[in-house]
Amino acid sequence: MRKPKIELIKSIAIVILLAFISISWGNMQNSSKQLGENFTLRDQEKEKLVEFSETDTTKLKHLKGKIIRILDGDTVEMLYGELPIKLRLEHIDAPEKRGKQPFGNRAKLAISDLCFGQMVKIRSDGKFDRNGRLIGVIFNKDSLNVNKEMVRLGMAWHFKKYSDDMSYDELEREARASKVGLWKDPNPIAPWDYR
């Protein structure tokens, strides 16, 4: 009985998100400026809503929002206007907080230090995972790629099953060689094996 209700709630949230996207796109045409990587910025003092745009060339979507909750090392919640959206970090998989996997809590603290409470930019192809989380890359207030930083700090693996971006693989190799973060453990267990 609960599962259909959850699916209905997810469907409603997606419809609301798409409505906001449509409204933002229409409003954005006249009052915004384009920056690198197709991010559209507006005066944060005048506009309190998150923006979502789509480029003709890449079809990547970009939005801004405030990180209001850290769920674990690869999942956060952001506020899009007044709509909370769960975001799953693309390209990475962090140690599980549930089940007390080693470095699970440290990964959560690391991502919190990188973006909690900040207005961030999200780059996404607009896809959701099986749990209804938007999949994307976070750029924090300093324009730092949070997803890559988690791998560089040794707080996440490159999730090769769902990513072919080999820059994450290179960062993982460097973290392993430097024995930082979870790579201090002589036999770290990947989250997909731990689950």
N, C-alpha and C. Protein backbone atom coordinates (compact mmCIF):
# COMPACT_ATOMS: atom_id res chain seq x y z
N MET A 1 0.82 -1.19 0.00
CA MET A 1 0.00 0.00 0.00
C MET A 1 0.86 1.26 0.00
N ARG A 2 2.00 1.24 0.71
CA ARG A 2 2.86 2.41 0.80
C ARG A 2 3.60 2.71 -0.50
N LYS A 3 4.03 1.66 -1.19
CA LYS A 3 4.85 1.84 -2.37
C LYS A 3 4.13 2.67 -3.45
N PRO A 4 2.85 2.37 -3.79
CA PRO A 4 2.17 3.20 -4.78
C PRO A 4 2.05 4.66 -4.32
N LYS A 5 1.87 4.88 -3.02
CA LYS A 5 1.77 6.24 -2.50
C LYS A 5 3.09 6.98 -2.68
N ILE A 6 4.21 6.31 -2.42
CA ILE A 6 5.53 6.92 -2.60
C ILE A 6 5.75 7.25 -4.07
N GLU A 7 5.39 6.32 -4.95
CA GLU A 7 5.54 6.58 -6.39
C GLU A 7 4.69 7.77 -6.83
N LEU A 8 3.49 7.90 -6.28
CA LEU A 8 2.63 9.04 -6.60
C LEU A 8 3.27 10.33 -6.14
N ILE A 9 3.84 10.34 -4.94
CA ILE A 9 4.50 11.53 -4.42
C ILE A 9 5.69 11.90 -5.30
N LYS A 10 6.48 10.91 -5.71
CA LYS A 10 7.63 11.16 -6.60
C LYS A 10 7.15 11.77 -7.91
N SER A 11 6.08 11.22 -8.47
CA SER A 11 5.54 11.72 -9.74
C SER A 11 5.09 13.16 -9.61
N ILE A 12 4.42 13.47 -8.52
CA ILE A 12 3.95 14.85 -8.28
C ILE A 12 5.14 15.78 -8.15
N ALA A 13 6.17 15.35 -7.42
CA ALA A 13 7.37 16.18 -7.25
C ALA A 13 8.04 16.47 -8.59
N ILE A 14 8.10 15.46 -9.47
CA ILE A 14 8.71 15.65 -10.78
C ILE A 14 7.89 16.63 -11.62
N VAL A 15 6.57 16.52 -11.56
CA VAL A 15 5.70 17.45 -12.30
C VAL A 15 5.91 18.88 -11.79
N ILE A 16 5.99 19.04 -10.48
CA ILE A 16 6.22 20.37 -9.91
C ILE A 16 7.58 20.90 -10.34
N LEU A 17 8.60 20.05 -10.30
CA LEU A 17 9.93 20.46 -10.72
C LEU A 17 9.93 20.90 -12.18
N LEU A 18 9.27 20.13 -13.04
CA LEU A 18 9.22 20.50 -14.45
C LEU A 18 8.48 21.81 -14.66
N ALA A 19 7.45 22.07 -13.85
CA ALA A 19 6.73 23.35 -13.94
C ALA A 19 7.65 24.50 -13.55
N PHE A 20 8.41 24.33 -12.47
CA PHE A 20 9.36 25.36 -12.07
C PHE A 20 10.41 25.60 -13.15
N ILE A 21 10.88 24.51 -13.75
CA ILE A 21 11.87 24.62 -14.82
C ILE A 21 11.31 25.46 -15.96
N SER A 22 10.10 25.15 -16.37
CA SER A 22 9.46 25.86 -17.47
C SER A 22 9.31 27.35 -17.15
N ILE A 23 8.87 27.66 -15.94
CA ILE A 23 8.70 29.06 -15.54
C ILE A 23 10.05 29.76 -15.48
N SER A 24 11.05 29.10 -14.87
CA SER A 24 12.38 29.70 -14.77
C SER A 24 12.98 29.96 -16.14
N TRP A 25 12.81 29.02 -17.05
CA TRP A 25 13.37 29.16 -18.39
C TRP A 25 12.76 30.37 -19.08
N GLY A 26 11.45 30.54 -18.97
CA GLY A 26 10.79 31.69 -19.58
C GLY A 26 11.25 33.00 -18.98
N ASN A 27 11.38 33.07 -17.67
CA ASN A 27 11.80 34.29 -16.99
C ASN A 27 13.26 34.60 -17.23
N MET A 28 14.04 33.57 -17.44
CA MET A 28 15.48 33.72 -17.54
C MET A 28 15.92 34.38 -18.85
N GLN A 29 15.13 34.28 -19.88
CA GLN A 29 15.54 34.74 -21.19
C GLN A 29 16.03 36.19 -21.21
N ASN A 30 15.38 37.09 -20.46
CA ASN A 30 15.72 38.50 -20.52
C ASN A 30 16.61 38.99 -19.39
N SER A 31 16.64 38.33 -18.25
CA SER A 31 17.27 38.93 -17.08
C SER A 31 18.50 38.19 -16.56
N SER A 32 19.14 37.39 -17.37
CA SER A 32 20.26 36.64 -16.85
C SER A 32 21.48 36.81 -17.75
N LYS A 33 22.64 36.37 -17.23
CA LYS A 33 23.86 36.41 -18.03
C LYS A 33 24.48 35.03 -18.03
N GLN A 34 25.06 34.64 -19.14
CA GLN A 34 25.66 33.33 -19.27
C GLN A 34 27.11 33.38 -18.79
N LEU A 35 27.52 32.37 -18.04
CA LEU A 35 28.90 32.22 -17.59
C LEU A 35 29.43 30.91 -18.13
N GLY A 36 30.68 30.60 -17.81
CA GLY A 36 31.28 29.36 -18.25
C GLY A 36 30.45 28.15 -17.87
N GLU A 37 30.58 27.08 -18.62
CA GLU A 37 29.87 25.81 -18.43
C GLU A 37 28.36 25.97 -18.47
N ASN A 38 27.88 27.01 -19.15
CA ASN A 38 26.45 27.23 -19.39
C ASN A 38 25.63 27.47 -18.12
N PHE A 39 26.28 27.92 -17.06
CA PHE A 39 25.53 28.28 -15.87
C PHE A 39 24.91 29.64 -16.07
N THR A 40 23.69 29.78 -15.68
CA THR A 40 23.00 31.06 -15.74
C THR A 40 22.86 31.58 -14.33
N LEU A 41 23.39 32.77 -14.10
CA LEU A 41 23.34 33.34 -12.77
C LEU A 41 22.42 34.54 -12.75
N ARG A 42 21.77 34.74 -11.62
CA ARG A 42 20.96 35.92 -11.40
C ARG A 42 21.38 36.56 -10.09
N ASP A 43 20.98 37.78 -9.90
CA ASP A 43 21.27 38.48 -8.66
C ASP A 43 20.59 37.73 -7.52
N GLN A 44 21.38 37.16 -6.63
CA GLN A 44 20.82 36.34 -5.56
C GLN A 44 19.98 37.16 -4.59
N GLU A 45 20.25 38.46 -4.47
CA GLU A 45 19.47 39.29 -3.56
C GLU A 45 18.05 39.50 -4.09
N LYS A 46 17.91 39.63 -5.40
CA LYS A 46 16.60 39.89 -5.99
C LYS A 46 15.82 38.61 -6.23
N GLU A 47 16.52 37.54 -6.56
CA GLU A 47 15.87 36.27 -6.92
C GLU A 47 16.16 35.23 -5.84
N LYS A 48 15.16 34.63 -5.31
CA LYS A 48 15.35 33.60 -4.30
C LYS A 48 15.12 32.20 -4.86
N LEU A 49 14.65 32.10 -6.09
CA LEU A 49 14.38 30.79 -6.67
C LEU A 49 15.61 30.22 -7.36
N VAL A 50 15.69 28.93 -7.37
CA VAL A 50 16.73 28.21 -8.07
C VAL A 50 16.45 28.31 -9.56
N GLU A 51 17.49 28.34 -10.37
CA GLU A 51 17.30 28.41 -11.81
C GLU A 51 17.70 27.10 -12.46
N PHE A 52 17.04 26.78 -13.52
CA PHE A 52 17.29 25.56 -14.26
C PHE A 52 17.28 25.96 -15.73
N SER A 53 18.34 25.71 -16.44
CA SER A 53 18.38 26.06 -17.86
C SER A 53 18.87 24.88 -18.67
N GLU A 54 18.68 24.96 -19.97
CA GLU A 54 19.12 23.89 -20.85
C GLU A 54 19.82 24.53 -22.04
N THR A 55 20.99 24.02 -22.39
CA THR A 55 21.69 24.54 -23.55
C THR A 55 21.31 23.73 -24.77
N ASP A 56 21.37 24.35 -25.91
CA ASP A 56 21.02 23.65 -27.15
C ASP A 56 22.08 22.63 -27.53
N THR A 57 23.34 22.89 -27.16
CA THR A 57 24.41 22.03 -27.61
C THR A 57 24.58 20.77 -26.77
N THR A 58 24.48 20.88 -25.44
CA THR A 58 24.78 19.73 -24.60
C THR A 58 23.55 19.08 -23.99
N LYS A 59 22.45 19.80 -23.95
CA LYS A 59 21.23 19.33 -23.31
C LYS A 59 21.42 19.07 -21.82
N LEU A 60 22.51 19.62 -21.24
CA LEU A 60 22.70 19.52 -19.80
C LEU A 60 21.85 20.58 -19.12
N LYS A 61 21.33 20.24 -17.97
CA LYS A 61 20.52 21.18 -17.21
C LYS A 61 21.35 21.70 -16.05
N HIS A 62 21.13 22.95 -15.71
CA HIS A 62 21.88 23.59 -14.64
C HIS A 62 20.89 24.27 -13.70
N LEU A 63 21.13 24.11 -12.42
CA LEU A 63 20.25 24.77 -11.47
C LEU A 63 21.06 25.25 -10.28
N LYS A 64 20.47 26.16 -9.54
CA LYS A 64 21.08 26.68 -8.32
C LYS A 64 20.14 26.40 -7.17
N GLY A 65 20.71 26.10 -6.03
CA GLY A 65 19.91 25.88 -4.85
C GLY A 65 20.79 25.86 -3.62
N LYS A 66 20.16 25.77 -2.49
CA LYS A 66 20.89 25.77 -1.23
C LYS A 66 20.88 24.35 -0.66
N ILE A 67 22.06 23.87 -0.27
CA ILE A 67 22.17 22.55 0.34
C ILE A 67 21.67 22.67 1.78
N ILE A 68 20.60 21.94 2.08
CA ILE A 68 19.96 22.06 3.40
C ILE A 68 20.14 20.81 4.26
N ARG A 69 20.63 19.73 3.66
CA ARG A 69 20.76 18.49 4.42
C ARG A 69 21.77 17.58 3.75
N ILE A 70 22.58 16.92 4.58
CA ILE A 70 23.53 15.93 4.08
C ILE A 70 23.04 14.57 4.55
N LEU A 71 22.71 13.71 3.61
CA LEU A 71 22.19 12.38 3.97
C LEU A 71 23.32 11.38 4.16
N ASP A 72 24.30 11.41 3.27
CA ASP A 72 25.51 10.60 3.41
C ASP A 72 26.56 11.17 2.47
N GLY A 73 27.64 10.43 2.25
CA GLY A 73 28.75 10.96 1.47
C GLY A 73 28.49 11.17 -0.01
N ASP A 74 27.37 10.69 -0.53
CA ASP A 74 27.07 10.91 -1.94
C ASP A 74 25.62 11.32 -2.18
N THR A 75 24.92 11.73 -1.13
CA THR A 75 23.53 12.17 -1.28
C THR A 75 23.28 13.38 -0.39
N VAL A 76 22.72 14.43 -0.99
CA VAL A 76 22.39 15.64 -0.25
C VAL A 76 20.96 16.04 -0.59
N GLU A 77 20.46 17.00 0.15
CA GLU A 77 19.15 17.56 -0.16
C GLU A 77 19.33 19.05 -0.37
N MET A 78 18.78 19.55 -1.46
CA MET A 78 18.88 20.97 -1.75
C MET A 78 17.50 21.58 -1.82
N LEU A 79 17.44 22.86 -1.56
CA LEU A 79 16.18 23.58 -1.62
C LEU A 79 16.10 24.29 -2.97
N TYR A 80 15.12 23.91 -3.76
CA TYR A 80 14.85 24.52 -5.06
C TYR A 80 13.61 25.38 -4.86
N GLY A 81 13.80 26.69 -4.70
CA GLY A 81 12.68 27.53 -4.31
C GLY A 81 12.26 27.08 -2.93
N GLU A 82 11.08 26.51 -2.83
CA GLU A 82 10.63 25.97 -1.56
C GLU A 82 10.46 24.45 -1.64
N LEU A 83 10.93 23.86 -2.72
CA LEU A 83 10.81 22.43 -2.93
C LEU A 83 12.13 21.73 -2.61
N PRO A 84 12.16 20.86 -1.59
CA PRO A 84 13.39 20.10 -1.32
C PRO A 84 13.57 19.00 -2.36
N ILE A 85 14.79 18.87 -2.87
CA ILE A 85 15.11 17.86 -3.87
C ILE A 85 16.31 17.06 -3.38
N LYS A 86 16.19 15.73 -3.38
CA LYS A 86 17.33 14.89 -3.05
C LYS A 86 18.20 14.76 -4.28
N LEU A 87 19.51 14.91 -4.06
CA LEU A 87 20.47 14.87 -5.15
C LEU A 87 21.50 13.79 -4.88
N ARG A 88 21.68 12.90 -5.84
CA ARG A 88 22.69 11.83 -5.77
C ARG A 88 23.87 12.29 -6.60
N LEU A 89 25.05 12.34 -5.98
CA LEU A 89 26.23 12.82 -6.69
C LEU A 89 26.63 11.84 -7.79
N GLU A 90 26.74 12.38 -8.99
CA GLU A 90 27.07 11.59 -10.17
C GLU A 90 28.55 11.19 -10.14
N HIS A 91 28.87 10.08 -10.72
CA HIS A 91 30.23 9.55 -10.93
C HIS A 91 30.88 8.94 -9.70
N ILE A 92 30.28 9.08 -8.51
CA ILE A 92 30.97 8.60 -7.30
C ILE A 92 30.06 7.70 -6.46
N ASP A 93 30.69 6.94 -5.60
CA ASP A 93 29.97 6.15 -4.60
C ASP A 93 30.79 6.25 -3.32
N ALA A 94 30.17 6.71 -2.25
CA ALA A 94 30.85 6.92 -0.97
C ALA A 94 30.52 5.79 -0.01
N PRO A 95 31.36 5.61 1.00
CA PRO A 95 31.07 4.58 2.01
C PRO A 95 29.70 4.78 2.64
N GLU A 96 29.05 3.69 2.95
CA GLU A 96 27.70 3.73 3.50
C GLU A 96 27.71 4.20 4.96
N LYS A 97 26.82 5.13 5.26
CA LYS A 97 26.64 5.56 6.65
C LYS A 97 25.82 4.53 7.40
N ARG A 98 24.77 4.04 6.72
CA ARG A 98 23.97 2.96 7.30
C ARG A 98 24.81 1.70 7.36
N GLY A 99 24.70 0.97 8.43
CA GLY A 99 25.47 -0.26 8.55
C GLY A 99 26.88 -0.01 9.06
N LYS A 100 27.20 1.25 9.29
CA LYS A 100 28.49 1.61 9.89
C LYS A 100 29.70 1.15 9.06
N GLN A 101 29.64 1.33 7.74
CA GLN A 101 30.81 1.03 6.92
C GLN A 101 31.94 1.99 7.31
N PRO A 102 33.18 1.50 7.42
CA PRO A 102 34.29 2.39 7.74
C PRO A 102 34.31 3.60 6.79
N PHE A 103 34.54 4.76 7.35
CA PHE A 103 34.62 6.04 6.65
C PHE A 103 33.26 6.58 6.20
N GLY A 104 32.17 5.89 6.52
CA GLY A 104 30.85 6.39 6.16
C GLY A 104 30.54 7.74 6.80
N ASN A 105 30.79 7.84 8.12
CA ASN A 105 30.54 9.11 8.81
C ASN A 105 31.53 10.19 8.38
N ARG A 106 32.77 9.80 8.13
CA ARG A 106 33.79 10.78 7.70
C ARG A 106 33.44 11.33 6.31
N ALA A 107 32.92 10.47 5.45
CA ALA A 107 32.51 10.93 4.11
C ALA A 107 31.37 11.93 4.23
N LYS A 108 30.43 11.67 5.14
CA LYS A 108 29.33 12.60 5.35
C LYS A 108 29.85 13.94 5.86
N LEU A 109 30.79 13.91 6.78
CA LEU A 109 31.38 15.15 7.29
C LEU A 109 32.16 15.90 6.21
N ALA A 110 32.86 15.16 5.36
CA ALA A 110 33.64 15.78 4.29
C ALA A 110 32.74 16.54 3.32
N ILE A 111 31.65 15.91 2.88
CA ILE A 111 30.76 16.59 1.94
C ILE A 111 30.05 17.76 2.62
N SER A 112 29.78 17.62 3.91
CA SER A 112 29.18 18.71 4.66
C SER A 112 30.11 19.92 4.67
N ASP A 113 31.38 19.68 4.92
CA ASP A 113 32.37 20.77 4.92
C ASP A 113 32.47 21.43 3.55
N LEU A 114 32.24 20.66 2.50
CA LEU A 114 32.38 21.18 1.14
C LEU A 114 31.19 21.99 0.66
N CYS A 115 29.98 21.71 1.18
CA CYS A 115 28.83 22.39 0.57
C CYS A 115 27.63 22.68 1.47
N PHE A 116 27.57 22.16 2.69
CA PHE A 116 26.37 22.36 3.51
C PHE A 116 26.11 23.84 3.77
N GLY A 117 24.85 24.23 3.60
CA GLY A 117 24.41 25.60 3.85
C GLY A 117 24.76 26.58 2.74
N GLN A 118 25.38 26.11 1.69
CA GLN A 118 25.82 26.99 0.60
C GLN A 118 24.81 27.01 -0.55
N MET A 119 24.80 28.13 -1.27
CA MET A 119 24.13 28.19 -2.56
C MET A 119 25.10 27.53 -3.54
N VAL A 120 24.65 26.49 -4.20
CA VAL A 120 25.50 25.73 -5.10
C VAL A 120 24.90 25.70 -6.50
N LYS A 121 25.72 25.29 -7.45
CA LYS A 121 25.27 25.07 -8.82
C LYS A 121 25.29 23.57 -9.06
N ILE A 122 24.28 23.08 -9.74
CA ILE A 122 24.18 21.66 -10.05
C ILE A 122 24.16 21.50 -11.56
N ARG A 123 24.97 20.58 -12.06
CA ARG A 123 24.92 20.22 -13.49
C ARG A 123 24.37 18.80 -13.57
N SER A 124 23.34 18.63 -14.37
CA SER A 124 22.67 17.33 -14.46
C SER A 124 22.14 17.12 -15.86
N ASP A 125 21.97 15.86 -16.22
CA ASP A 125 21.29 15.56 -17.49
C ASP A 125 19.80 15.39 -17.26
N GLY A 126 19.34 15.67 -16.03
CA GLY A 126 17.93 15.62 -15.71
C GLY A 126 17.41 14.24 -15.38
N LYS A 127 18.31 13.26 -15.20
CA LYS A 127 17.88 11.90 -14.89
C LYS A 127 17.79 11.70 -13.39
N PHE A 128 16.91 10.77 -13.00
CA PHE A 128 16.71 10.41 -11.60
C PHE A 128 17.11 8.96 -11.42
N ASP A 129 17.61 8.62 -10.23
CA ASP A 129 17.94 7.22 -9.98
C ASP A 129 16.69 6.46 -9.54
N ARG A 130 16.84 5.19 -9.25
CA ARG A 130 15.68 4.36 -8.92
C ARG A 130 15.01 4.77 -7.61
N ASN A 131 15.73 5.57 -6.79
CA ASN A 131 15.16 6.05 -5.53
C ASN A 131 14.56 7.45 -5.67
N GLY A 132 14.45 7.94 -6.90
CA GLY A 132 13.83 9.24 -7.14
C GLY A 132 14.74 10.42 -6.87
N ARG A 133 16.05 10.19 -6.77
CA ARG A 133 17.00 11.28 -6.53
C ARG A 133 17.52 11.80 -7.87
N LEU A 134 17.58 13.11 -8.01
CA LEU A 134 18.18 13.73 -9.19
C LEU A 134 19.67 13.41 -9.16
N ILE A 135 20.23 13.05 -10.30
CA ILE A 135 21.65 12.73 -10.39
C ILE A 135 22.38 13.92 -10.97
N GLY A 136 23.44 14.37 -10.30
CA GLY A 136 24.15 15.54 -10.81
C GLY A 136 25.50 15.77 -10.16
N VAL A 137 26.16 16.83 -10.64
CA VAL A 137 27.46 17.25 -10.14
C VAL A 137 27.26 18.58 -9.41
N ILE A 138 27.83 18.68 -8.22
CA ILE A 138 27.70 19.90 -7.40
C ILE A 138 28.95 20.76 -7.56
N PHE A 139 28.74 22.06 -7.76
CA PHE A 139 29.81 23.04 -7.72
C PHE A 139 29.50 23.96 -6.55
N ASN A 140 30.40 24.02 -5.56
CA ASN A 140 30.10 24.79 -4.36
C ASN A 140 30.29 26.29 -4.60
N LYS A 141 30.18 27.09 -3.52
CA LYS A 141 30.23 28.55 -3.63
C LYS A 141 31.56 29.03 -4.22
N ASP A 142 32.62 28.22 -4.11
CA ASP A 142 33.92 28.56 -4.66
C ASP A 142 34.13 27.95 -6.05
N SER A 143 33.07 27.43 -6.64
CA SER A 143 33.09 26.76 -7.96
C SER A 143 33.90 25.48 -7.97
N LEU A 144 34.11 24.88 -6.81
CA LEU A 144 34.83 23.62 -6.70
C LEU A 144 33.88 22.47 -7.04
N ASN A 145 34.33 21.54 -7.87
CA ASN A 145 33.55 20.36 -8.20
C ASN A 145 33.57 19.43 -6.98
N VAL A 146 32.47 19.41 -6.23
CA VAL A 146 32.38 18.64 -4.99
C VAL A 146 32.52 17.15 -5.26
N ASN A 147 31.94 16.66 -6.33
CA ASN A 147 32.02 15.23 -6.65
C ASN A 147 33.48 14.80 -6.80
N LYS A 148 34.25 15.57 -7.58
CA LYS A 148 35.66 15.24 -7.78
C LYS A 148 36.45 15.41 -6.49
N GLU A 149 36.12 16.42 -5.71
CA GLU A 149 36.84 16.67 -4.46
C GLU A 149 36.64 15.51 -3.48
N MET A 150 35.47 14.91 -3.46
CA MET A 150 35.24 13.76 -2.59
C MET A 150 36.17 12.60 -2.96
N VAL A 151 36.39 12.39 -4.25
CA VAL A 151 37.30 11.33 -4.69
C VAL A 151 38.74 11.71 -4.36
N ARG A 152 39.10 12.97 -4.61
CA ARG A 152 40.47 13.45 -4.35
C ARG A 152 40.82 13.33 -2.86
N LEU A 153 39.83 13.57 -1.99
CA LEU A 153 40.06 13.48 -0.55
C LEU A 153 40.06 12.03 -0.03
N GLY A 154 39.77 11.09 -0.92
CA GLY A 154 39.72 9.69 -0.51
C GLY A 154 38.46 9.37 0.27
N MET A 155 37.39 10.08 -0.03
CA MET A 155 36.12 9.86 0.65
C MET A 155 35.07 9.20 -0.24
N ALA A 156 35.47 8.83 -1.46
CA ALA A 156 34.55 8.17 -2.39
C ALA A 156 35.34 7.45 -3.47
N TRP A 157 34.69 6.47 -4.06
CA TRP A 157 35.24 5.75 -5.20
C TRP A 157 34.68 6.36 -6.49
N HIS A 158 35.41 6.18 -7.58
CA HIS A 158 34.84 6.46 -8.90
C HIS A 158 33.86 5.32 -9.17
N PHE A 159 32.60 5.66 -9.43
CA PHE A 159 31.55 4.65 -9.62
C PHE A 159 31.51 4.26 -11.09
N LYS A 160 32.46 3.43 -11.52
CA LYS A 160 32.66 3.11 -12.93
C LYS A 160 31.46 2.43 -13.58
N LYS A 161 30.64 1.78 -12.76
CA LYS A 161 29.46 1.11 -13.33
C LYS A 161 28.52 2.13 -13.98
N TYR A 162 28.50 3.35 -13.45
CA TYR A 162 27.59 4.38 -13.96
C TYR A 162 28.32 5.61 -14.48
N SER A 163 29.63 5.53 -14.66
CA SER A 163 30.39 6.70 -15.10
C SER A 163 31.52 6.28 -16.03
N ASP A 164 31.65 7.00 -17.13
CA ASP A 164 32.79 6.76 -18.01
C ASP A 164 33.72 7.97 -18.03
N ASP A 165 33.58 8.89 -17.08
CA ASP A 165 34.45 10.06 -16.97
C ASP A 165 35.73 9.63 -16.26
N MET A 166 36.78 9.43 -17.03
CA MET A 166 38.02 8.86 -16.49
C MET A 166 38.81 9.86 -15.64
N SER A 167 38.41 11.13 -15.60
CA SER A 167 39.09 12.07 -14.71
C SER A 167 38.86 11.66 -13.25
N TYR A 168 37.73 11.04 -12.97
CA TYR A 168 37.46 10.54 -11.62
C TYR A 168 38.36 9.34 -11.30
N ASP A 169 38.62 8.51 -12.29
CA ASP A 169 39.49 7.36 -12.11
C ASP A 169 40.90 7.82 -11.78
N GLU A 170 41.37 8.86 -12.46
CA GLU A 170 42.71 9.40 -12.20
C GLU A 170 42.79 9.95 -10.77
N LEU A 171 41.75 10.67 -10.33
CA LEU A 171 41.73 11.20 -8.97
C LEU A 171 41.74 10.06 -7.94
N GLU A 172 41.02 9.00 -8.24
CA GLU A 172 41.01 7.85 -7.32
C GLU A 172 42.40 7.22 -7.24
N ARG A 173 43.07 7.07 -8.37
CA ARG A 173 44.42 6.49 -8.37
C ARG A 173 45.38 7.34 -7.54
N GLU A 174 45.27 8.67 -7.68
CA GLU A 174 46.14 9.58 -6.91
C GLU A 174 45.85 9.46 -5.42
N ALA A 175 44.58 9.37 -5.05
CA ALA A 175 44.21 9.24 -3.63
C ALA A 175 44.71 7.92 -3.07
N ARG A 176 44.59 6.85 -3.85
CA ARG A 176 45.08 5.53 -3.41
C ARG A 176 46.59 5.58 -3.17
N ALA A 177 47.31 6.17 -4.15
CA ALA A 177 48.77 6.24 -4.06
C ALA A 177 49.21 7.06 -2.85
N SER A 178 48.45 8.11 -2.52
CA SER A 178 48.79 8.97 -1.38
C SER A 178 48.25 8.44 -0.07
N LYS A 179 47.45 7.38 -0.14
CA LYS A 179 46.83 6.77 1.05
C LYS A 179 46.08 7.81 1.89
N VAL A 180 45.22 8.57 1.21
CA VAL A 180 44.41 9.56 1.92
C VAL A 180 43.01 9.00 2.14
N GLY A 181 42.35 9.48 3.18
CA GLY A 181 40.97 9.08 3.46
C GLY A 181 40.84 7.58 3.63
N LEU A 182 39.87 7.01 2.96
CA LEU A 182 39.59 5.58 3.11
C LEU A 182 40.72 4.71 2.60
N TRP A 183 41.64 5.28 1.82
CA TRP A 183 42.76 4.49 1.29
C TRP A 183 43.83 4.25 2.34
N LYS A 184 43.66 4.81 3.56
CA LYS A 184 44.54 4.47 4.68
C LYS A 184 44.29 3.03 5.12
N ASP A 185 43.07 2.57 4.91
CA ASP A 185 42.69 1.20 5.24
C ASP A 185 43.38 0.27 4.25
N PRO A 186 44.07 -0.78 4.72
CA PRO A 186 44.76 -1.67 3.78
C PRO A 186 43.82 -2.43 2.85
N ASN A 187 42.57 -2.66 3.28
CA ASN A 187 41.61 -3.39 2.45
C ASN A 187 40.25 -2.70 2.46
N PRO A 188 40.15 -1.53 1.86
CA PRO A 188 38.84 -0.86 1.86
C PRO A 188 37.83 -1.63 1.02
N ILE A 189 36.60 -1.65 1.50
CA ILE A 189 35.53 -2.37 0.80
C ILE A 189 34.67 -1.34 0.08
N ALA A 190 34.50 -1.50 -1.21
CA ALA A 190 33.68 -0.58 -2.00
C ALA A 190 32.23 -0.67 -1.54
N PRO A 191 31.50 0.45 -1.56
CA PRO A 191 30.11 0.45 -1.10
C PRO A 191 29.23 -0.56 -1.82
N TRP A 192 29.43 -0.74 -3.12
CA TRP A 192 28.59 -1.68 -3.88
C TRP A 192 28.85 -3.14 -3.43
N ASP A 193 30.03 -3.41 -2.87
CA ASP A 193 30.29 -4.73 -2.30
C ASP A 193 29.80 -4.81 -0.87
N TYR A 194 29.88 -3.72 -0.15
CA TYR A 194 29.44 -3.67 1.25
C TYR A 194 27.93 -3.86 1.38
N ARG A 195 27.20 -3.24 0.41
CA ARG A 195 25.73 -3.35 0.43
C ARG A 195 25.34 -4.79 0.22
